Amino acid sequence: MSFRIKKATVLGSGIMGSGIACHLANIGVQVHLLDLPGKDEKNRNAPAAEALAKA
């Protein structure tokens, strides 16, 4: 039996989570990177956006 993973969700945008998301995206998997909102309440996506910018 063979199958292809098309989408994945990674919980946590720390060092390990953002690295896993980058590896998955690099092989063509659509990735959703989720994390808890940071102290910056104006931008709820700040932790994930910061991890992606570093990658």
PDB file of N, CA and C in Angstrom:
ATOM      1  N   MET A   1       0.842  -1.156   0.000  1.00  0.00           N
ATOM      2  CA  MET A   1       0.000   0.000   0.000  1.00  0.00           C
ATOM      3  C   MET A   1       0.901   1.237   0.000  1.00  0.00           C
ATOM      4  N   SER A   2       0.606   2.164  -0.864  1.00  0.00           N
ATOM      5  CA  SER A   2       1.354   3.421  -0.882  1.00  0.00           C
ATOM      6  C   SER A   2       0.373   4.588  -0.917  1.00  0.00           C
ATOM      7  N   PHE A   3       0.787   5.672  -0.347  1.00  0.00           N
ATOM      8  CA  PHE A   3      -0.037   6.875  -0.341  1.00  0.00           C
ATOM      9  C   PHE A   3       0.882   8.088  -0.295  1.00  0.00           C
ATOM     10  N   ARG A   4       0.335   9.235  -0.623  1.00  0.00           N
ATOM     11  CA  ARG A   4       1.098  10.475  -0.630  1.00  0.00           C
ATOM     12  C   ARG A   4       0.463  11.453   0.350  1.00  0.00           C
ATOM     13  N   ILE A   5       1.276  12.002   1.242  1.00  0.00           N
ATOM     14  CA  ILE A   5       0.803  13.005   2.185  1.00  0.00           C
ATOM     15  C   ILE A   5       0.745  14.339   1.456  1.00  0.00           C
ATOM     16  N   LYS A   6      -0.431  14.977   1.450  1.00  0.00           N
ATOM     17  CA  LYS A   6      -0.610  16.239   0.737  1.00  0.00           C
ATOM     18  C   LYS A   6      -0.622  17.436   1.671  1.00  0.00           C
ATOM     19  N   LYS A   7      -1.121  17.239   2.903  1.00  0.00           N
ATOM     20  CA  LYS A   7      -1.230  18.335   3.867  1.00  0.00           C
ATOM     21  C   LYS A   7      -0.759  17.847   5.230  1.00  0.00           C
ATOM     22  N   ALA A   8      -0.175  18.761   6.002  1.00  0.00           N
ATOM     23  CA  ALA A   8       0.234  18.436   7.371  1.00  0.00           C
ATOM     24  C   ALA A   8       0.058  19.675   8.236  1.00  0.00           C
ATOM     25  N   THR A   9      -0.191  19.444   9.513  1.00  0.00           N
ATOM     26  CA  THR A   9      -0.289  20.529  10.481  1.00  0.00           C
ATOM     27  C   THR A   9       0.765  20.294  11.550  1.00  0.00           C
ATOM     28  N   VAL A  10       1.563  21.327  11.829  1.00  0.00           N
ATOM     29  CA  VAL A  10       2.600  21.256  12.846  1.00  0.00           C
ATOM     30  C   VAL A  10       2.187  22.157  14.000  1.00  0.00           C
ATOM     31  N   LEU A  11       2.154  21.601  15.202  1.00  0.00           N
ATOM     32  CA  LEU A  11       1.790  22.364  16.396  1.00  0.00           C
ATOM     33  C   LEU A  11       3.062  22.845  17.076  1.00  0.00           C
ATOM     34  N   GLY A  12       3.205  24.158  17.177  1.00  0.00           N
ATOM     35  CA  GLY A  12       4.376  24.747  17.821  1.00  0.00           C
ATOM     36  C   GLY A  12       5.375  25.227  16.788  1.00  0.00           C
ATOM     37  N   SER A  13       5.730  26.506  16.845  1.00  0.00           N
ATOM     38  CA  SER A  13       6.649  27.079  15.857  1.00  0.00           C
ATOM     39  C   SER A  13       8.018  27.362  16.472  1.00  0.00           C
ATOM     40  N   GLY A  14       8.400  26.553  17.445  1.00  0.00           N
ATOM     41  CA  GLY A  14       9.735  26.701  18.028  1.00  0.00           C
ATOM     42  C   GLY A  14      10.793  26.146  17.085  1.00  0.00           C
ATOM     43  N   ILE A  15      11.951  25.843  17.612  1.00  0.00           N
ATOM     44  CA  ILE A  15      13.048  25.351  16.776  1.00  0.00           C
ATOM     45  C   ILE A  15      12.654  24.056  16.066  1.00  0.00           C
ATOM     46  N   MET A  16      12.112  23.108  16.806  1.00  0.00           N
ATOM     47  CA  MET A  16      11.778  21.826  16.207  1.00  0.00           C
ATOM     48  C   MET A  16      10.565  21.933  15.284  1.00  0.00           C
ATOM     49  N   GLY A  17       9.512  22.603  15.713  1.00  0.00           N
ATOM     50  CA  GLY A  17       8.306  22.711  14.894  1.00  0.00           C
ATOM     51  C   GLY A  17       8.545  23.442  13.585  1.00  0.00           C
ATOM     52  N   SER A  18       9.269  24.554  13.642  1.00  0.00           N
ATOM     53  CA  SER A  18       9.529  25.296  12.398  1.00  0.00           C
ATOM     54  C   SER A  18      10.452  24.507  11.478  1.00  0.00           C
ATOM     55  N   GLY A  19      11.387  23.747  12.052  1.00  0.00           N
ATOM     56  CA  GLY A  19      12.264  22.905  11.236  1.00  0.00           C
ATOM     57  C   GLY A  19      11.489  21.810  10.529  1.00  0.00           C
ATOM     58  N   ILE A  20      10.585  21.171  11.250  1.00  0.00           N
ATOM     59  CA  ILE A  20       9.747  20.132  10.646  1.00  0.00           C
ATOM     60  C   ILE A  20       8.882  20.728   9.546  1.00  0.00           C
ATOM     61  N   ALA A  21       8.296  21.891   9.803  1.00  0.00           N
ATOM     62  CA  ALA A  21       7.457  22.550   8.797  1.00  0.00           C
ATOM     63  C   ALA A  21       8.270  22.886   7.549  1.00  0.00           C
ATOM     64  N   CYS A  22       9.496  23.346   7.730  1.00  0.00           N
ATOM     65  CA  CYS A  22      10.353  23.671   6.580  1.00  0.00           C
ATOM     66  C   CYS A  22      10.680  22.431   5.760  1.00  0.00           C
ATOM     67  N   HIS A  23      10.997  21.327   6.434  1.00  0.00           N
ATOM     68  CA  HIS A  23      11.307  20.089   5.711  1.00  0.00           C
ATOM     69  C   HIS A  23      10.102  19.596   4.922  1.00  0.00           C
ATOM     70  N   LEU A  24       8.934  19.649   5.540  1.00  0.00           N
ATOM     71  CA  LEU A  24       7.729  19.212   4.839  1.00  0.00           C
ATOM     72  C   LEU A  24       7.425  20.102   3.641  1.00  0.00           C
ATOM     73  N   ALA A  25       7.531  21.407   3.834  1.00  0.00           N
ATOM     74  CA  ALA A  25       7.264  22.343   2.741  1.00  0.00           C
ATOM     75  C   ALA A  25       8.274  22.148   1.607  1.00  0.00           C
ATOM     76  N   ASN A  26       9.503  21.818   1.958  1.00  0.00           N
ATOM     77  CA  ASN A  26      10.559  21.634   0.958  1.00  0.00           C
ATOM     78  C   ASN A  26      10.276  20.450   0.033  1.00  0.00           C
ATOM     79  N   ILE A  27       9.548  19.450   0.515  1.00  0.00           N
ATOM     80  CA  ILE A  27       9.228  18.303  -0.338  1.00  0.00           C
ATOM     81  C   ILE A  27       7.843  18.418  -0.974  1.00  0.00           C
ATOM     82  N   GLY A  28       7.217  19.592  -0.819  1.00  0.00           N
ATOM     83  CA  GLY A  28       5.968  19.850  -1.526  1.00  0.00           C
ATOM     84  C   GLY A  28       4.693  19.608  -0.748  1.00  0.00           C
ATOM     85  N   VAL A  29       4.793  19.399   0.557  1.00  0.00           N
ATOM     86  CA  VAL A  29       3.612  19.191   1.381  1.00  0.00           C
ATOM     87  C   VAL A  29       3.065  20.549   1.814  1.00  0.00           C
ATOM     88  N   GLN A  30       1.749  20.732   1.717  1.00  0.00           N
ATOM     89  CA  GLN A  30       1.123  21.962   2.207  1.00  0.00           C
ATOM     90  C   GLN A  30       1.123  21.898   3.731  1.00  0.00           C
ATOM     91  N   VAL A  31       1.701  22.912   4.393  1.00  0.00           N
ATOM     92  CA  VAL A  31       1.881  22.875   5.839  1.00  0.00           C
ATOM     93  C   VAL A  31       1.120  24.016   6.511  1.00  0.00           C
ATOM     94  N   HIS A  32       0.437  23.676   7.603  1.00  0.00           N
ATOM     95  CA  HIS A  32      -0.193  24.658   8.481  1.00  0.00           C
ATOM     96  C   HIS A  32       0.638  24.674   9.759  1.00  0.00           C
ATOM     97  N   LEU A  33       1.198  25.823  10.101  1.00  0.00           N
ATOM     98  CA  LEU A  33       2.030  25.966  11.294  1.00  0.00           C
ATOM     99  C   LEU A  33       1.233  26.718  12.345  1.00  0.00           C
ATOM    100  N   LEU A  34       0.935  26.051  13.458  1.00  0.00           N
ATOM    101  CA  LEU A  34       0.096  26.632  14.500  1.00  0.00           C
ATOM    102  C   LEU A  34       0.886  26.823  15.787  1.00  0.00           C
ATOM    103  N   ASP A  35       0.595  27.899  16.492  1.00  0.00           N
ATOM    104  CA  ASP A  35       1.210  28.157  17.787  1.00  0.00           C
ATOM    105  C   ASP A  35       0.262  29.029  18.595  1.00  0.00           C
ATOM    106  N   LEU A  36       0.503  29.088  19.885  1.00  0.00           N
ATOM    107  CA  LEU A  36      -0.282  29.972  20.741  1.00  0.00           C
ATOM    108  C   LEU A  36       0.109  31.418  20.469  1.00  0.00           C
ATOM    109  N   PRO A  37      -0.837  32.357  20.612  1.00  0.00           N
ATOM    110  CA  PRO A  37      -0.498  33.760  20.386  1.00  0.00           C
ATOM    111  C   PRO A  37       0.561  34.227  21.385  1.00  0.00           C
ATOM    112  N   GLY A  38       1.443  35.081  20.928  1.00  0.00           N
ATOM    113  CA  GLY A  38       2.481  35.625  21.792  1.00  0.00           C
ATOM    114  C   GLY A  38       1.976  36.811  22.596  1.00  0.00           C
ATOM    115  N   LYS A  39       2.890  37.528  23.178  1.00  0.00           N
ATOM    116  CA  LYS A  39       2.542  38.692  23.993  1.00  0.00           C
ATOM    117  C   LYS A  39       1.994  39.824  23.141  1.00  0.00           C
ATOM    118  N   ASP A  40       2.353  39.841  21.862  1.00  0.00           N
ATOM    119  CA  ASP A  40       1.898  40.870  20.933  1.00  0.00           C
ATOM    120  C   ASP A  40       0.458  40.554  20.520  1.00  0.00           C
ATOM    121  N   GLU A  41      -0.502  41.081  21.236  1.00  0.00           N
ATOM    122  CA  GLU A  41      -1.912  40.784  20.973  1.00  0.00           C
ATOM    123  C   GLU A  41      -2.400  41.365  19.647  1.00  0.00           C
ATOM    124  N   LYS A  42      -1.704  42.339  19.091  1.00  0.00           N
ATOM    125  CA  LYS A  42      -2.133  42.933  17.822  1.00  0.00           C
ATOM    126  C   LYS A  42      -1.932  41.960  16.666  1.00  0.00           C
ATOM    127  N   ASN A  43      -0.916  41.133  16.746  1.00  0.00           N
ATOM    128  CA  ASN A  43      -0.635  40.170  15.683  1.00  0.00           C
ATOM    129  C   ASN A  43      -0.628  38.771  16.284  1.00  0.00           C
ATOM    130  N   ARG A  44      -1.741  38.061  16.155  1.00  0.00           N
ATOM    131  CA  ARG A  44      -1.852  36.724  16.740  1.00  0.00           C
ATOM    132  C   ARG A  44      -0.941  35.715  16.053  1.00  0.00           C
ATOM    133  N   ASN A  45      -0.481  36.014  14.847  1.00  0.00           N
ATOM    134  CA  ASN A  45       0.386  35.094  14.106  1.00  0.00           C
ATOM    135  C   ASN A  45       1.862  35.406  14.289  1.00  0.00           C
ATOM    136  N   ALA A  46       2.201  36.266  15.237  1.00  0.00           N
ATOM    137  CA  ALA A  46       3.586  36.678  15.412  1.00  0.00           C
ATOM    138  C   ALA A  46       4.559  35.530  15.647  1.00  0.00           C
ATOM    139  N   PRO A  47       4.264  34.547  16.525  1.00  0.00           N
ATOM    140  CA  PRO A  47       5.236  33.466  16.726  1.00  0.00           C
ATOM    141  C   PRO A  47       5.505  32.660  15.456  1.00  0.00           C
ATOM    142  N   ALA A  48       4.468  32.308  14.722  1.00  0.00           N
ATOM    143  CA  ALA A  48       4.651  31.527  13.500  1.00  0.00           C
ATOM    144  C   ALA A  48       5.320  32.361  12.417  1.00  0.00           C
ATOM    145  N   ALA A  49       4.938  33.615  12.285  1.00  0.00           N
ATOM    146  CA  ALA A  49       5.553  34.492  11.275  1.00  0.00           C
ATOM    147  C   ALA A  49       7.033  34.703  11.550  1.00  0.00           C
ATOM    148  N   GLU A  50       7.385  34.836  12.822  1.00  0.00           N
ATOM    149  CA  GLU A  50       8.793  35.020  13.199  1.00  0.00           C
ATOM    150  C   GLU A  50       9.606  33.762  12.876  1.00  0.00           C
ATOM    151  N   ALA A  51       9.049  32.597  13.159  1.00  0.00           N
ATOM    152  CA  ALA A  51       9.750  31.339  12.854  1.00  0.00           C
ATOM    153  C   ALA A  51       9.942  31.170  11.356  1.00  0.00           C
ATOM    154  N   LEU A  52       8.923  31.515  10.567  1.00  0.00           N
ATOM    155  CA  LEU A  52       9.057  31.410   9.110  1.00  0.00           C
ATOM    156  C   LEU A  52      10.062  32.410   8.565  1.00  0.00           C
ATOM    157  N   ALA A  53      10.118  33.607   9.143  1.00  0.00           N
ATOM    158  CA  ALA A  53      11.079  34.607   8.689  1.00  0.00           C
ATOM    159  C   ALA A  53      12.520  34.147   8.956  1.00  0.00           C
ATOM    160  N   LYS A  54      12.734  33.488  10.096  1.00  0.00           N
ATOM    161  CA  LYS A  54      14.068  32.972  10.424  1.00  0.00           C
ATOM    162  C   LYS A  54      14.471  31.837   9.499  1.00  0.00           C
ATOM    163  N   ALA A  55      13.482  31.061   9.050  1.00  0.00           N
ATOM    164  CA  ALA A  55      13.780  29.921   8.169  1.00  0.00           C
ATOM    165  C   ALA A  55      14.170  30.407   6.798  1.00  0.00           C
TER     166      ALA A  55
END
